[in-house]
Amino acid sequence: MTGTTHACRIVKESQIWNNSKMDEVLASVAEKIKNFAVIYLVDITEVPDFNTMYELYDPSTVMFFFRNKHIMIDLGTGNNNKINWALKDKQEFIDIVETVYRGARKGRGLVVAPKDYSTKYRY
């Protein structure tokens, strides 16, 4: 993950065969966020060390990096390392990326999401 140091890197880890709703959201927002973020897709079967380091056990995970540093995001779920569910709203994802980018540019390693997702999976 080298290249421009002023862009937030969004890394989506999954098995390549896993075509999820999140893939559609990432593809649809890529053009809109290209000035401050770059999206990378990683096949987790090809990088087992990365899986162990970041505890990637979910079918699909999105993580954020800035200047080769992992940026954590407080989504209210207790897991600040990654998003491990599919966001279906494009604007919601763009808002998260903007928040991560602004916080990371200020040197923050942990940013607070614009929305609390703690009730996402309540029945």
PDB file of N, CA and C in Angstrom:
ATOM      1  N   MET A   1       0.836  -1.182   0.000  1.00  0.00           N
ATOM      2  CA  MET A   1       0.000   0.000   0.000  1.00  0.00           C
ATOM      3  C   MET A   1       0.880   1.244   0.000  1.00  0.00           C
ATOM      4  N   THR A   2       1.514   1.452  -1.084  1.00  0.00           N
ATOM      5  CA  THR A   2       2.333   2.644  -1.217  1.00  0.00           C
ATOM      6  C   THR A   2       1.734   3.534  -2.285  1.00  0.00           C
ATOM      7  N   GLY A   3       2.298   4.674  -2.485  1.00  0.00           N
ATOM      8  CA  GLY A   3       1.782   5.607  -3.477  1.00  0.00           C
ATOM      9  C   GLY A   3       1.545   6.940  -2.813  1.00  0.00           C
ATOM     10  N   THR A   4       0.511   7.603  -3.187  1.00  0.00           N
ATOM     11  CA  THR A   4       0.199   8.914  -2.644  1.00  0.00           C
ATOM     12  C   THR A   4      -0.031   8.827  -1.147  1.00  0.00           C
ATOM     13  N   THR A   5       0.604   9.669  -0.373  1.00  0.00           N
ATOM     14  CA  THR A   5       0.502   9.577   1.087  1.00  0.00           C
ATOM     15  C   THR A   5      -0.643  10.408   1.639  1.00  0.00           C
ATOM     16  N   HIS A   6      -1.294  11.182   0.810  1.00  0.00           N
ATOM     17  CA  HIS A   6      -2.347  12.065   1.305  1.00  0.00           C
ATOM     18  C   HIS A   6      -3.744  11.515   1.072  1.00  0.00           C
ATOM     19  N   ALA A   7      -3.848  10.263   0.660  1.00  0.00           N
ATOM     20  CA  ALA A   7      -5.158   9.662   0.452  1.00  0.00           C
ATOM     21  C   ALA A   7      -5.399   8.597   1.502  1.00  0.00           C
ATOM     22  N   CYS A   8      -6.633   8.515   1.927  1.00  0.00           N
ATOM     23  CA  CYS A   8      -7.047   7.447   2.827  1.00  0.00           C
ATOM     24  C   CYS A   8      -7.151   6.179   1.993  1.00  0.00           C
ATOM     25  N   ARG A   9      -6.670   5.082   2.518  1.00  0.00           N
ATOM     26  CA  ARG A   9      -6.776   3.812   1.813  1.00  0.00           C
ATOM     27  C   ARG A   9      -7.865   2.977   2.466  1.00  0.00           C
ATOM     28  N   ILE A  10      -8.782   2.534   1.645  1.00  0.00           N
ATOM     29  CA  ILE A  10      -9.868   1.686   2.106  1.00  0.00           C
ATOM     30  C   ILE A  10      -9.545   0.291   1.599  1.00  0.00           C
ATOM     31  N   VAL A  11      -9.380  -0.630   2.508  1.00  0.00           N
ATOM     32  CA  VAL A  11      -9.029  -1.989   2.129  1.00  0.00           C
ATOM     33  C   VAL A  11     -10.198  -2.894   2.477  1.00  0.00           C
ATOM     34  N   LYS A  12     -10.742  -3.544   1.453  1.00  0.00           N
ATOM     35  CA  LYS A  12     -11.830  -4.498   1.667  1.00  0.00           C
ATOM     36  C   LYS A  12     -11.253  -5.891   1.509  1.00  0.00           C
ATOM     37  N   GLU A  13     -11.286  -6.645   2.595  1.00  0.00           N
ATOM     38  CA  GLU A  13     -10.749  -7.990   2.591  1.00  0.00           C
ATOM     39  C   GLU A  13     -11.897  -8.986   2.520  1.00  0.00           C
ATOM     40  N   SER A  14     -11.793  -9.922   1.610  1.00  0.00           N
ATOM     41  CA  SER A  14     -12.769 -11.006   1.509  1.00  0.00           C
ATOM     42  C   SER A  14     -12.219 -12.042   0.553  1.00  0.00           C
ATOM     43  N   GLN A  15     -12.930 -13.136   0.454  1.00  0.00           N
ATOM     44  CA  GLN A  15     -12.592 -14.076  -0.592  1.00  0.00           C
ATOM     45  C   GLN A  15     -13.048 -13.438  -1.896  1.00  0.00           C
ATOM     46  N   ILE A  16     -12.237 -13.551  -2.933  1.00  0.00           N
ATOM     47  CA  ILE A  16     -12.559 -12.898  -4.208  1.00  0.00           C
ATOM     48  C   ILE A  16     -13.924 -13.332  -4.724  1.00  0.00           C
ATOM     49  N   TRP A  17     -14.303 -14.567  -4.471  1.00  0.00           N
ATOM     50  CA  TRP A  17     -15.594 -15.056  -4.952  1.00  0.00           C
ATOM     51  C   TRP A  17     -16.775 -14.454  -4.205  1.00  0.00           C
ATOM     52  N   ASN A  18     -16.520 -13.773  -3.097  1.00  0.00           N
ATOM     53  CA  ASN A  18     -17.581 -13.222  -2.264  1.00  0.00           C
ATOM     54  C   ASN A  18     -18.035 -11.882  -2.840  1.00  0.00           C
ATOM     55  N   ASN A  19     -19.024 -11.902  -3.696  1.00  0.00           N
ATOM     56  CA  ASN A  19     -19.545 -10.680  -4.304  1.00  0.00           C
ATOM     57  C   ASN A  19     -20.695 -10.178  -3.440  1.00  0.00           C
ATOM     58  N   SER A  20     -20.415  -9.198  -2.625  1.00  0.00           N
ATOM     59  CA  SER A  20     -21.404  -8.754  -1.646  1.00  0.00           C
ATOM     60  C   SER A  20     -21.996  -7.398  -2.017  1.00  0.00           C
ATOM     61  N   LYS A  21     -23.002  -7.009  -1.258  1.00  0.00           N
ATOM     62  CA  LYS A  21     -23.618  -5.693  -1.411  1.00  0.00           C
ATOM     63  C   LYS A  21     -22.575  -4.600  -1.156  1.00  0.00           C
ATOM     64  N   MET A  22     -21.642  -4.876  -0.248  1.00  0.00           N
ATOM     65  CA  MET A  22     -20.599  -3.900   0.052  1.00  0.00           C
ATOM     66  C   MET A  22     -19.727  -3.640  -1.178  1.00  0.00           C
ATOM     67  N   ASP A  23     -19.490  -4.669  -1.991  1.00  0.00           N
ATOM     68  CA  ASP A  23     -18.725  -4.481  -3.228  1.00  0.00           C
ATOM     69  C   ASP A  23     -19.423  -3.479  -4.148  1.00  0.00           C
ATOM     70  N   GLU A  24     -20.743  -3.576  -4.219  1.00  0.00           N
ATOM     71  CA  GLU A  24     -21.518  -2.659  -5.053  1.00  0.00           C
ATOM     72  C   GLU A  24     -21.404  -1.227  -4.532  1.00  0.00           C
ATOM     73  N   VAL A  25     -21.486  -1.075  -3.214  1.00  0.00           N
ATOM     74  CA  VAL A  25     -21.363   0.253  -2.610  1.00  0.00           C
ATOM     75  C   VAL A  25     -19.974   0.824  -2.878  1.00  0.00           C
ATOM     76  N   LEU A  26     -18.931   0.019  -2.681  1.00  0.00           N
ATOM     77  CA  LEU A  26     -17.558   0.486  -2.917  1.00  0.00           C
ATOM     78  C   LEU A  26     -17.365   0.902  -4.371  1.00  0.00           C
ATOM     79  N   ALA A  27     -17.859   0.102  -5.294  1.00  0.00           N
ATOM     80  CA  ALA A  27     -17.710   0.428  -6.717  1.00  0.00           C
ATOM     81  C   ALA A  27     -18.460   1.708  -7.078  1.00  0.00           C
ATOM     82  N   SER A  28     -19.618   1.901  -6.477  1.00  0.00           N
ATOM     83  CA  SER A  28     -20.426   3.069  -6.833  1.00  0.00           C
ATOM     84  C   SER A  28     -19.899   4.378  -6.235  1.00  0.00           C
ATOM     85  N   VAL A  29     -19.159   4.303  -5.122  1.00  0.00           N
ATOM     86  CA  VAL A  29     -18.650   5.530  -4.501  1.00  0.00           C
ATOM     87  C   VAL A  29     -17.206   5.836  -4.878  1.00  0.00           C
ATOM     88  N   ALA A  30     -16.536   4.919  -5.546  1.00  0.00           N
ATOM     89  CA  ALA A  30     -15.112   5.082  -5.863  1.00  0.00           C
ATOM     90  C   ALA A  30     -14.827   6.401  -6.582  1.00  0.00           C
ATOM     91  N   GLU A  31     -15.642   6.748  -7.535  1.00  0.00           N
ATOM     92  CA  GLU A  31     -15.435   7.990  -8.298  1.00  0.00           C
ATOM     93  C   GLU A  31     -15.662   9.223  -7.423  1.00  0.00           C
ATOM     94  N   LYS A  32     -16.632   9.160  -6.528  1.00  0.00           N
ATOM     95  CA  LYS A  32     -16.965  10.309  -5.686  1.00  0.00           C
ATOM     96  C   LYS A  32     -15.913  10.591  -4.619  1.00  0.00           C
ATOM     97  N   ILE A  33     -15.199   9.558  -4.180  1.00  0.00           N
ATOM     98  CA  ILE A  33     -14.218   9.744  -3.106  1.00  0.00           C
ATOM     99  C   ILE A  33     -12.777   9.726  -3.606  1.00  0.00           C
ATOM    100  N   LYS A  34     -12.601   9.733  -4.923  1.00  0.00           N
ATOM    101  CA  LYS A  34     -11.259   9.562  -5.484  1.00  0.00           C
ATOM    102  C   LYS A  34     -10.282  10.668  -5.100  1.00  0.00           C
ATOM    103  N   ASN A  35     -10.764  11.827  -4.699  1.00  0.00           N
ATOM    104  CA  ASN A  35      -9.871  12.921  -4.319  1.00  0.00           C
ATOM    105  C   ASN A  35      -9.250  12.746  -2.936  1.00  0.00           C
ATOM    106  N   PHE A  36      -9.830  11.884  -2.118  1.00  0.00           N
ATOM    107  CA  PHE A  36      -9.287  11.714  -0.769  1.00  0.00           C
ATOM    108  C   PHE A  36      -9.208  10.262  -0.308  1.00  0.00           C
ATOM    109  N   ALA A  37      -9.607   9.315  -1.154  1.00  0.00           N
ATOM    110  CA  ALA A  37      -9.538   7.906  -0.751  1.00  0.00           C
ATOM    111  C   ALA A  37      -9.361   7.000  -1.968  1.00  0.00           C
ATOM    112  N   VAL A  38      -8.687   5.902  -1.740  1.00  0.00           N
ATOM    113  CA  VAL A  38      -8.463   4.884  -2.757  1.00  0.00           C
ATOM    114  C   VAL A  38      -8.937   3.554  -2.189  1.00  0.00           C
ATOM    115  N   ILE A  39      -9.635   2.775  -2.992  1.00  0.00           N
ATOM    116  CA  ILE A  39     -10.178   1.496  -2.539  1.00  0.00           C
ATOM    117  C   ILE A  39      -9.335   0.360  -3.110  1.00  0.00           C
ATOM    118  N   TYR A  40      -8.962  -0.573  -2.227  1.00  0.00           N
ATOM    119  CA  TYR A  40      -8.230  -1.770  -2.628  1.00  0.00           C
ATOM    120  C   TYR A  40      -9.035  -2.991  -2.217  1.00  0.00           C
ATOM    121  N   LEU A  41      -9.095  -3.968  -3.087  1.00  0.00           N
ATOM    122  CA  LEU A  41      -9.727  -5.238  -2.760  1.00  0.00           C
ATOM    123  C   LEU A  41      -8.627  -6.264  -2.544  1.00  0.00           C
ATOM    124  N   VAL A  42      -8.693  -6.988  -1.439  1.00  0.00           N
ATOM    125  CA  VAL A  42      -7.666  -7.957  -1.080  1.00  0.00           C
ATOM    126  C   VAL A  42      -8.314  -9.321  -0.899  1.00  0.00           C
ATOM    127  N   ASP A  43      -7.743 -10.327  -1.526  1.00  0.00           N
ATOM    128  CA  ASP A  43      -8.206 -11.696  -1.358  1.00  0.00           C
ATOM    129  C   ASP A  43      -7.545 -12.259  -0.104  1.00  0.00           C
ATOM    130  N   ILE A  44      -8.330 -12.512   0.930  1.00  0.00           N
ATOM    131  CA  ILE A  44      -7.759 -12.940   2.211  1.00  0.00           C
ATOM    132  C   ILE A  44      -7.137 -14.328   2.150  1.00  0.00           C
ATOM    133  N   THR A  45      -7.452 -15.082   1.130  1.00  0.00           N
ATOM    134  CA  THR A  45      -6.805 -16.391   0.997  1.00  0.00           C
ATOM    135  C   THR A  45      -5.359 -16.250   0.535  1.00  0.00           C
ATOM    136  N   GLU A  46      -5.012 -15.083   0.004  1.00  0.00           N
ATOM    137  CA  GLU A  46      -3.654 -14.845  -0.493  1.00  0.00           C
ATOM    138  C   GLU A  46      -2.733 -14.214   0.556  1.00  0.00           C
ATOM    139  N   VAL A  47      -3.286 -13.669   1.625  1.00  0.00           N
ATOM    140  CA  VAL A  47      -2.468 -12.983   2.640  1.00  0.00           C
ATOM    141  C   VAL A  47      -2.825 -13.470   4.047  1.00  0.00           C
ATOM    142  N   PRO A  48      -2.474 -14.692   4.387  1.00  0.00           N
ATOM    143  CA  PRO A  48      -2.858 -15.237   5.701  1.00  0.00           C
ATOM    144  C   PRO A  48      -2.242 -14.474   6.875  1.00  0.00           C
ATOM    145  N   ASP A  49      -1.055 -13.883   6.704  1.00  0.00           N
ATOM    146  CA  ASP A  49      -0.445 -13.109   7.793  1.00  0.00           C
ATOM    147  C   ASP A  49      -1.294 -11.895   8.131  1.00  0.00           C
ATOM    148  N   PHE A  50      -1.844 -11.251   7.132  1.00  0.00           N
ATOM    149  CA  PHE A  50      -2.711 -10.090   7.306  1.00  0.00           C
ATOM    150  C   PHE A  50      -3.966 -10.502   8.083  1.00  0.00           C
ATOM    151  N   ASN A  51      -4.488 -11.677   7.770  1.00  0.00           N
ATOM    152  CA  ASN A  51      -5.685 -12.189   8.456  1.00  0.00           C
ATOM    153  C   ASN A  51      -5.436 -12.349   9.946  1.00  0.00           C
ATOM    154  N   THR A  52      -4.281 -12.911  10.285  1.00  0.00           N
ATOM    155  CA  THR A  52      -3.935 -13.123  11.682  1.00  0.00           C
ATOM    156  C   THR A  52      -3.701 -11.794  12.394  1.00  0.00           C
ATOM    157  N   MET A  53      -2.971 -10.902  11.750  1.00  0.00           N
ATOM    158  CA  MET A  53      -2.632  -9.618  12.357  1.00  0.00           C
ATOM    159  C   MET A  53      -3.875  -8.800  12.701  1.00  0.00           C
ATOM    160  N   TYR A  54      -4.865  -8.780  11.804  1.00  0.00           N
ATOM    161  CA  TYR A  54      -6.057  -7.954  12.004  1.00  0.00           C
ATOM    162  C   TYR A  54      -7.299  -8.764  12.375  1.00  0.00           C
ATOM    163  N   GLU A  55      -7.111 -10.038  12.696  1.00  0.00           N
ATOM    164  CA  GLU A  55      -8.211 -10.913  13.122  1.00  0.00           C
ATOM    165  C   GLU A  55      -9.368 -10.881  12.131  1.00  0.00           C
ATOM    166  N   LEU A  56      -9.061 -11.211  10.894  1.00  0.00           N
ATOM    167  CA  LEU A  56     -10.052 -11.193   9.818  1.00  0.00           C
ATOM    168  C   LEU A  56     -10.689 -12.570   9.684  1.00  0.00           C
ATOM    169  N   TYR A  57     -11.831 -12.746  10.333  1.00  0.00           N
ATOM    170  CA  TYR A  57     -12.531 -14.020  10.299  1.00  0.00           C
ATOM    171  C   TYR A  57     -13.876 -13.910   9.603  1.00  0.00           C
ATOM    172  N   ASP A  58     -14.307 -12.712   9.311  1.00  0.00           N
ATOM    173  CA  ASP A  58     -15.608 -12.483   8.691  1.00  0.00           C
ATOM    174  C   ASP A  58     -15.509 -12.655   7.179  1.00  0.00           C
ATOM    175  N   PRO A  59     -16.627 -12.957   6.528  1.00  0.00           N
ATOM    176  CA  PRO A  59     -16.596 -13.134   5.075  1.00  0.00           C
ATOM    177  C   PRO A  59     -16.162 -11.867   4.328  1.00  0.00           C
ATOM    178  N   SER A  60     -16.454 -10.715   4.912  1.00  0.00           N
ATOM    179  CA  SER A  60     -16.118  -9.455   4.257  1.00  0.00           C
ATOM    180  C   SER A  60     -15.810  -8.401   5.323  1.00  0.00           C
ATOM    181  N   THR A  61     -14.720  -7.673   5.135  1.00  0.00           N
ATOM    182  CA  THR A  61     -14.286  -6.682   6.118  1.00  0.00           C
ATOM    183  C   THR A  61     -13.749  -5.454   5.400  1.00  0.00           C
ATOM    184  N   VAL A  62     -14.038  -4.263   5.934  1.00  0.00           N
ATOM    185  CA  VAL A  62     -13.493  -3.020   5.405  1.00  0.00           C
ATOM    186  C   VAL A  62     -12.670  -2.353   6.499  1.00  0.00           C
ATOM    187  N   MET A  63     -11.436  -1.984   6.145  1.00  0.00           N
ATOM    188  CA  MET A  63     -10.539  -1.304   7.082  1.00  0.00           C
ATOM    189  C   MET A  63     -10.007  -0.041   6.425  1.00  0.00           C
ATOM    190  N   PHE A  64      -9.517   0.875   7.264  1.00  0.00           N
ATOM    191  CA  PHE A  64      -9.015   2.154   6.766  1.00  0.00           C
ATOM    192  C   PHE A  64      -7.555   2.345   7.159  1.00  0.00           C
ATOM    193  N   PHE A  65      -6.779   2.883   6.245  1.00  0.00           N
ATOM    194  CA  PHE A  65      -5.374   3.178   6.484  1.00  0.00           C
ATOM    195  C   PHE A  65      -5.069   4.572   5.964  1.00  0.00           C
ATOM    196  N   PHE A  66      -4.135   5.251   6.630  1.00  0.00           N
ATOM    197  CA  PHE A  66      -3.688   6.571   6.188  1.00  0.00           C
ATOM    198  C   PHE A  66      -2.198   6.659   6.475  1.00  0.00           C
ATOM    199  N   ARG A  67      -1.432   6.959   5.455  1.00  0.00           N
ATOM    200  CA  ARG A  67       0.034   7.014   5.566  1.00  0.00           C
ATOM    201  C   ARG A  67       0.585   5.741   6.207  1.00  0.00           C
ATOM    202  N   ASN A  68       0.108   4.608   5.709  1.00  0.00           N
ATOM    203  CA  ASN A  68       0.519   3.268   6.150  1.00  0.00           C
ATOM    204  C   ASN A  68       0.223   2.980   7.616  1.00  0.00           C
ATOM    205  N   LYS A  69      -0.711   3.717   8.206  1.00  0.00           N
ATOM    206  CA  LYS A  69      -1.122   3.485   9.586  1.00  0.00           C
ATOM    207  C   LYS A  69      -2.596   3.093   9.606  1.00  0.00           C
ATOM    208  N   HIS A  70      -2.899   2.047  10.360  1.00  0.00           N
ATOM    209  CA  HIS A  70      -4.280   1.605  10.495  1.00  0.00           C
ATOM    210  C   HIS A  70      -5.065   2.655  11.275  1.00  0.00           C
ATOM    211  N   ILE A  71      -6.156   3.135  10.707  1.00  0.00           N
ATOM    212  CA  ILE A  71      -7.015   4.107  11.375  1.00  0.00           C
ATOM    213  C   ILE A  71      -8.239   3.365  11.903  1.00  0.00           C
ATOM    214  N   MET A  72      -8.424   3.433  13.205  1.00  0.00           N
ATOM    215  CA  MET A  72      -9.575   2.780  13.820  1.00  0.00           C
ATOM    216  C   MET A  72     -10.756   3.748  13.821  1.00  0.00           C
ATOM    217  N   ILE A  73     -11.946   3.177  13.794  1.00  0.00           N
ATOM    218  CA  ILE A  73     -13.150   3.998  13.788  1.00  0.00           C
ATOM    219  C   ILE A  73     -14.143   3.446  14.809  1.00  0.00           C
ATOM    220  N   ASP A  74     -14.595   4.330  15.693  1.00  0.00           N
ATOM    221  CA  ASP A  74     -15.564   3.954  16.721  1.00  0.00           C
ATOM    222  C   ASP A  74     -16.958   4.022  16.111  1.00  0.00           C
ATOM    223  N   LEU A  75     -17.529   2.850  15.855  1.00  0.00           N
ATOM    224  CA  LEU A  75     -18.848   2.756  15.253  1.00  0.00           C
ATOM    225  C   LEU A  75     -19.923   2.447  16.296  1.00  0.00           C
ATOM    226  N   GLY A  76     -19.501   2.341  17.555  1.00  0.00           N
ATOM    227  CA  GLY A  76     -20.442   2.016  18.619  1.00  0.00           C
ATOM    228  C   GLY A  76     -20.677   0.531  18.770  1.00  0.00           C
ATOM    229  N   THR A  77     -19.938  -0.287  18.021  1.00  0.00           N
ATOM    230  CA  THR A  77     -20.146  -1.737  18.046  1.00  0.00           C
ATOM    231  C   THR A  77     -19.179  -2.458  18.969  1.00  0.00           C
ATOM    232  N   GLY A  78     -18.165  -1.766  19.452  1.00  0.00           N
ATOM    233  CA  GLY A  78     -17.156  -2.396  20.284  1.00  0.00           C
ATOM    234  C   GLY A  78     -15.941  -2.847  19.500  1.00  0.00           C
ATOM    235  N   ASN A  79     -16.077  -3.000  18.201  1.00  0.00           N
ATOM    236  CA  ASN A  79     -14.954  -3.381  17.338  1.00  0.00           C
ATOM    237  C   ASN A  79     -14.528  -2.144  16.557  1.00  0.00           C
ATOM    238  N   ASN A  80     -13.455  -1.517  16.984  1.00  0.00           N
ATOM    239  CA  ASN A  80     -13.009  -0.276  16.347  1.00  0.00           C
ATOM    240  C   ASN A  80     -12.053  -0.504  15.188  1.00  0.00           C
ATOM    241  N   ASN A  81     -11.714  -1.750  14.897  1.00  0.00           N
ATOM    242  CA  ASN A  81     -10.728  -2.036  13.869  1.00  0.00           C
ATOM    243  C   ASN A  81     -11.282  -2.063  12.451  1.00  0.00           C
ATOM    244  N   LYS A  82     -12.554  -2.409  12.309  1.00  0.00           N
ATOM    245  CA  LYS A  82     -13.069  -2.684  10.969  1.00  0.00           C
ATOM    246  C   LYS A  82     -14.588  -2.608  10.915  1.00  0.00           C
ATOM    247  N   ILE A  83     -15.085  -2.534   9.693  1.00  0.00           N
ATOM    248  CA  ILE A  83     -16.518  -2.675   9.433  1.00  0.00           C
ATOM    249  C   ILE A  83     -16.689  -4.086   8.888  1.00  0.00           C
ATOM    250  N   ASN A  84     -17.473  -4.906   9.556  1.00  0.00           N
ATOM    251  CA  ASN A  84     -17.618  -6.282   9.110  1.00  0.00           C
ATOM    252  C   ASN A  84     -19.062  -6.639   8.750  1.00  0.00           C
ATOM    253  N   TRP A  85     -19.815  -5.652   8.332  1.00  0.00           N
ATOM    254  CA  TRP A  85     -21.147  -5.863   7.792  1.00  0.00           C
ATOM    255  C   TRP A  85     -21.282  -4.987   6.558  1.00  0.00           C
ATOM    256  N   ALA A  86     -22.250  -5.286   5.731  1.00  0.00           N
ATOM    257  CA  ALA A  86     -22.424  -4.543   4.487  1.00  0.00           C
ATOM    258  C   ALA A  86     -23.231  -3.276   4.738  1.00  0.00           C
ATOM    259  N   LEU A  87     -22.635  -2.151   4.427  1.00  0.00           N
ATOM    260  CA  LEU A  87     -23.377  -0.888   4.444  1.00  0.00           C
ATOM    261  C   LEU A  87     -24.094  -0.782   3.106  1.00  0.00           C
ATOM    262  N   LYS A  88     -25.373  -0.520   3.144  1.00  0.00           N
ATOM    263  CA  LYS A  88     -26.145  -0.480   1.898  1.00  0.00           C
ATOM    264  C   LYS A  88     -26.350   0.934   1.377  1.00  0.00           C
ATOM    265  N   ASP A  89     -26.141   1.924   2.232  1.00  0.00           N
ATOM    266  CA  ASP A  89     -26.362   3.317   1.861  1.00  0.00           C
ATOM    267  C   ASP A  89     -25.040   3.949   1.422  1.00  0.00           C
ATOM    268  N   LYS A  90     -24.991   4.397   0.174  1.00  0.00           N
ATOM    269  CA  LYS A  90     -23.761   4.971  -0.382  1.00  0.00           C
ATOM    270  C   LYS A  90     -23.334   6.225   0.367  1.00  0.00           C
ATOM    271  N   GLN A  91     -24.279   7.116   0.644  1.00  0.00           N
ATOM    272  CA  GLN A  91     -23.932   8.366   1.323  1.00  0.00           C
ATOM    273  C   GLN A  91     -23.434   8.110   2.737  1.00  0.00           C
ATOM    274  N   GLU A  92     -23.979   7.116   3.376  1.00  0.00           N
ATOM    275  CA  GLU A  92     -23.537   6.742   4.717  1.00  0.00           C
ATOM    276  C   GLU A  92     -22.057   6.317   4.690  1.00  0.00           C
ATOM    277  N   PHE A  93     -21.689   5.527   3.679  1.00  0.00           N
ATOM    278  CA  PHE A  93     -20.304   5.094   3.553  1.00  0.00           C
ATOM    279  C   PHE A  93     -19.389   6.269   3.225  1.00  0.00           C
ATOM    280  N   ILE A  94     -19.831   7.153   2.351  1.00  0.00           N
ATOM    281  CA  ILE A  94     -19.035   8.349   2.013  1.00  0.00           C
ATOM    282  C   ILE A  94     -18.801   9.184   3.266  1.00  0.00           C
ATOM    283  N   ASP A  95     -19.831   9.340   4.104  1.00  0.00           N
ATOM    284  CA  ASP A  95     -19.695  10.100   5.352  1.00  0.00           C
ATOM    285  C   ASP A  95     -18.657   9.471   6.270  1.00  0.00           C
ATOM    286  N   ILE A  96     -18.642   8.145   6.349  1.00  0.00           N
ATOM    287  CA  ILE A  96     -17.652   7.453   7.171  1.00  0.00           C
ATOM    288  C   ILE A  96     -16.250   7.695   6.633  1.00  0.00           C
ATOM    289  N   VAL A  97     -16.083   7.580   5.320  1.00  0.00           N
ATOM    290  CA  VAL A  97     -14.766   7.785   4.704  1.00  0.00           C
ATOM    291  C   VAL A  97     -14.284   9.217   4.935  1.00  0.00           C
ATOM    292  N   GLU A  98     -15.163  10.189   4.777  1.00  0.00           N
ATOM    293  CA  GLU A  98     -14.792  11.593   5.019  1.00  0.00           C
ATOM    294  C   GLU A  98     -14.366  11.795   6.468  1.00  0.00           C
ATOM    295  N   THR A  99     -15.075  11.191   7.401  1.00  0.00           N
ATOM    296  CA  THR A  99     -14.740  11.305   8.813  1.00  0.00           C
ATOM    297  C   THR A  99     -13.369  10.703   9.091  1.00  0.00           C
ATOM    298  N   VAL A 100     -13.115   9.523   8.534  1.00  0.00           N
ATOM    299  CA  VAL A 100     -11.818   8.871   8.710  1.00  0.00           C
ATOM    300  C   VAL A 100     -10.712   9.739   8.115  1.00  0.00           C
ATOM    301  N   TYR A 101     -10.937  10.247   6.927  1.00  0.00           N
ATOM    302  CA  TYR A 101      -9.922  11.066   6.249  1.00  0.00           C
ATOM    303  C   TYR A 101      -9.605  12.337   7.044  1.00  0.00           C
ATOM    304  N   ARG A 102     -10.638  13.033   7.479  1.00  0.00           N
ATOM    305  CA  ARG A 102     -10.411  14.270   8.242  1.00  0.00           C
ATOM    306  C   ARG A 102      -9.684  14.004   9.558  1.00  0.00           C
ATOM    307  N   GLY A 103     -10.089  12.962  10.263  1.00  0.00           N
ATOM    308  CA  GLY A 103      -9.429  12.609  11.522  1.00  0.00           C
ATOM    309  C   GLY A 103      -7.996  12.173  11.312  1.00  0.00           C
ATOM    310  N   ALA A 104      -7.762  11.364  10.294  1.00  0.00           N
ATOM    311  CA  ALA A 104      -6.410  10.872  10.015  1.00  0.00           C
ATOM    312  C   ALA A 104      -5.477  12.011   9.616  1.00  0.00           C
ATOM    313  N   ARG A 105      -5.986  12.964   8.861  1.00  0.00           N
ATOM    314  CA  ARG A 105      -5.158  14.120   8.475  1.00  0.00           C
ATOM    315  C   ARG A 105      -4.746  14.942   9.687  1.00  0.00           C
ATOM    316  N   LYS A 106      -5.552  14.900  10.732  1.00  0.00           N
ATOM    317  CA  LYS A 106      -5.222  15.622  11.971  1.00  0.00           C
ATOM    318  C   LYS A 106      -4.350  14.784  12.900  1.00  0.00           C
ATOM    319  N   GLY A 107      -3.980  13.577  12.463  1.00  0.00           N
ATOM    320  CA  GLY A 107      -3.105  12.729  13.258  1.00  0.00           C
ATOM    321  C   GLY A 107      -3.808  11.795  14.225  1.00  0.00           C
ATOM    322  N   ARG A 108      -5.101  11.693  14.118  1.00  0.00           N
ATOM    323  CA  ARG A 108      -5.849  10.819  15.019  1.00  0.00           C
ATOM    324  C   ARG A 108      -5.786   9.368  14.543  1.00  0.00           C
ATOM    325  N   GLY A 109      -5.565   8.470  15.456  1.00  0.00           N
ATOM    326  CA  GLY A 109      -5.547   7.049  15.132  1.00  0.00           C
ATOM    327  C   GLY A 109      -6.898   6.392  15.349  1.00  0.00           C
ATOM    328  N   LEU A 110      -7.798   7.120  16.034  1.00  0.00           N
ATOM    329  CA  LEU A 110      -9.156   6.638  16.282  1.00  0.00           C
ATOM    330  C   LEU A 110     -10.109   7.790  16.034  1.00  0.00           C
ATOM    331  N   VAL A 111     -11.089   7.560  15.171  1.00  0.00           N
ATOM    332  CA  VAL A 111     -12.096   8.582  14.887  1.00  0.00           C
ATOM    333  C   VAL A 111     -13.465   8.033  15.255  1.00  0.00           C
ATOM    334  N   VAL A 112     -14.399   8.928  15.504  1.00  0.00           N
ATOM    335  CA  VAL A 112     -15.756   8.535  15.867  1.00  0.00           C
ATOM    336  C   VAL A 112     -16.642   8.653  14.634  1.00  0.00           C
ATOM    337  N   ALA A 113     -17.362   7.604  14.330  1.00  0.00           N
ATOM    338  CA  ALA A 113     -18.238   7.576  13.157  1.00  0.00           C
ATOM    339  C   ALA A 113     -19.339   8.620  13.288  1.00  0.00           C
ATOM    340  N   PRO A 114     -19.823   9.134  12.159  1.00  0.00           N
ATOM    341  CA  PRO A 114     -20.905  10.126  12.215  1.00  0.00           C
ATOM    342  C   PRO A 114     -22.233   9.537  12.690  1.00  0.00           C
ATOM    343  N   LYS A 115     -22.342   8.222  12.724  1.00  0.00           N
ATOM    344  CA  LYS A 115     -23.573   7.561  13.158  1.00  0.00           C
ATOM    345  C   LYS A 115     -23.208   6.421  14.106  1.00  0.00           C
ATOM    346  N   ASP A 116     -24.053   6.183  15.098  1.00  0.00           N
ATOM    347  CA  ASP A 116     -23.832   5.095  16.054  1.00  0.00           C
ATOM    348  C   ASP A 116     -24.501   3.828  15.515  1.00  0.00           C
ATOM    349  N   TYR A 117     -23.720   2.783  15.325  1.00  0.00           N
ATOM    350  CA  TYR A 117     -24.227   1.525  14.799  1.00  0.00           C
ATOM    351  C   TYR A 117     -24.445   0.477  15.880  1.00  0.00           C
ATOM    352  N   SER A 118     -24.481   0.882  17.149  1.00  0.00           N
ATOM    353  CA  SER A 118     -24.594  -0.078  18.243  1.00  0.00           C
ATOM    354  C   SER A 118     -25.904  -0.852  18.219  1.00  0.00           C
ATOM    355  N   THR A 119     -26.940  -0.326  17.623  1.00  0.00           N
ATOM    356  CA  THR A 119     -28.228  -1.027  17.568  1.00  0.00           C
ATOM    357  C   THR A 119     -28.454  -1.698  16.222  1.00  0.00           C
ATOM    358  N   LYS A 120     -27.443  -1.780  15.397  1.00  0.00           N
ATOM    359  CA  LYS A 120     -27.572  -2.326  14.043  1.00  0.00           C
ATOM    360  C   LYS A 120     -28.160  -3.733  14.023  1.00  0.00           C
ATOM    361  N   TYR A 121     -27.733  -4.583  14.956  1.00  0.00           N
ATOM    362  CA  TYR A 121     -28.135  -5.968  14.914  1.00  0.00           C
ATOM    363  C   TYR A 121     -29.122  -6.352  16.011  1.00  0.00           C
ATOM    364  N   ARG A 122     -29.766  -5.389  16.612  1.00  0.00           N
ATOM    365  CA  ARG A 122     -30.760  -5.716  17.645  1.00  0.00           C
ATOM    366  C   ARG A 122     -32.035  -6.201  16.973  1.00  0.00           C
ATOM    367  N   TYR A 123     -32.671  -7.151  17.636  1.00  0.00           N
ATOM    368  CA  TYR A 123     -33.887  -7.745  17.066  1.00  0.00           C
ATOM    369  C   TYR A 123     -35.127  -7.183  17.697  1.00  0.00           C
TER     370      TYR A 123
END
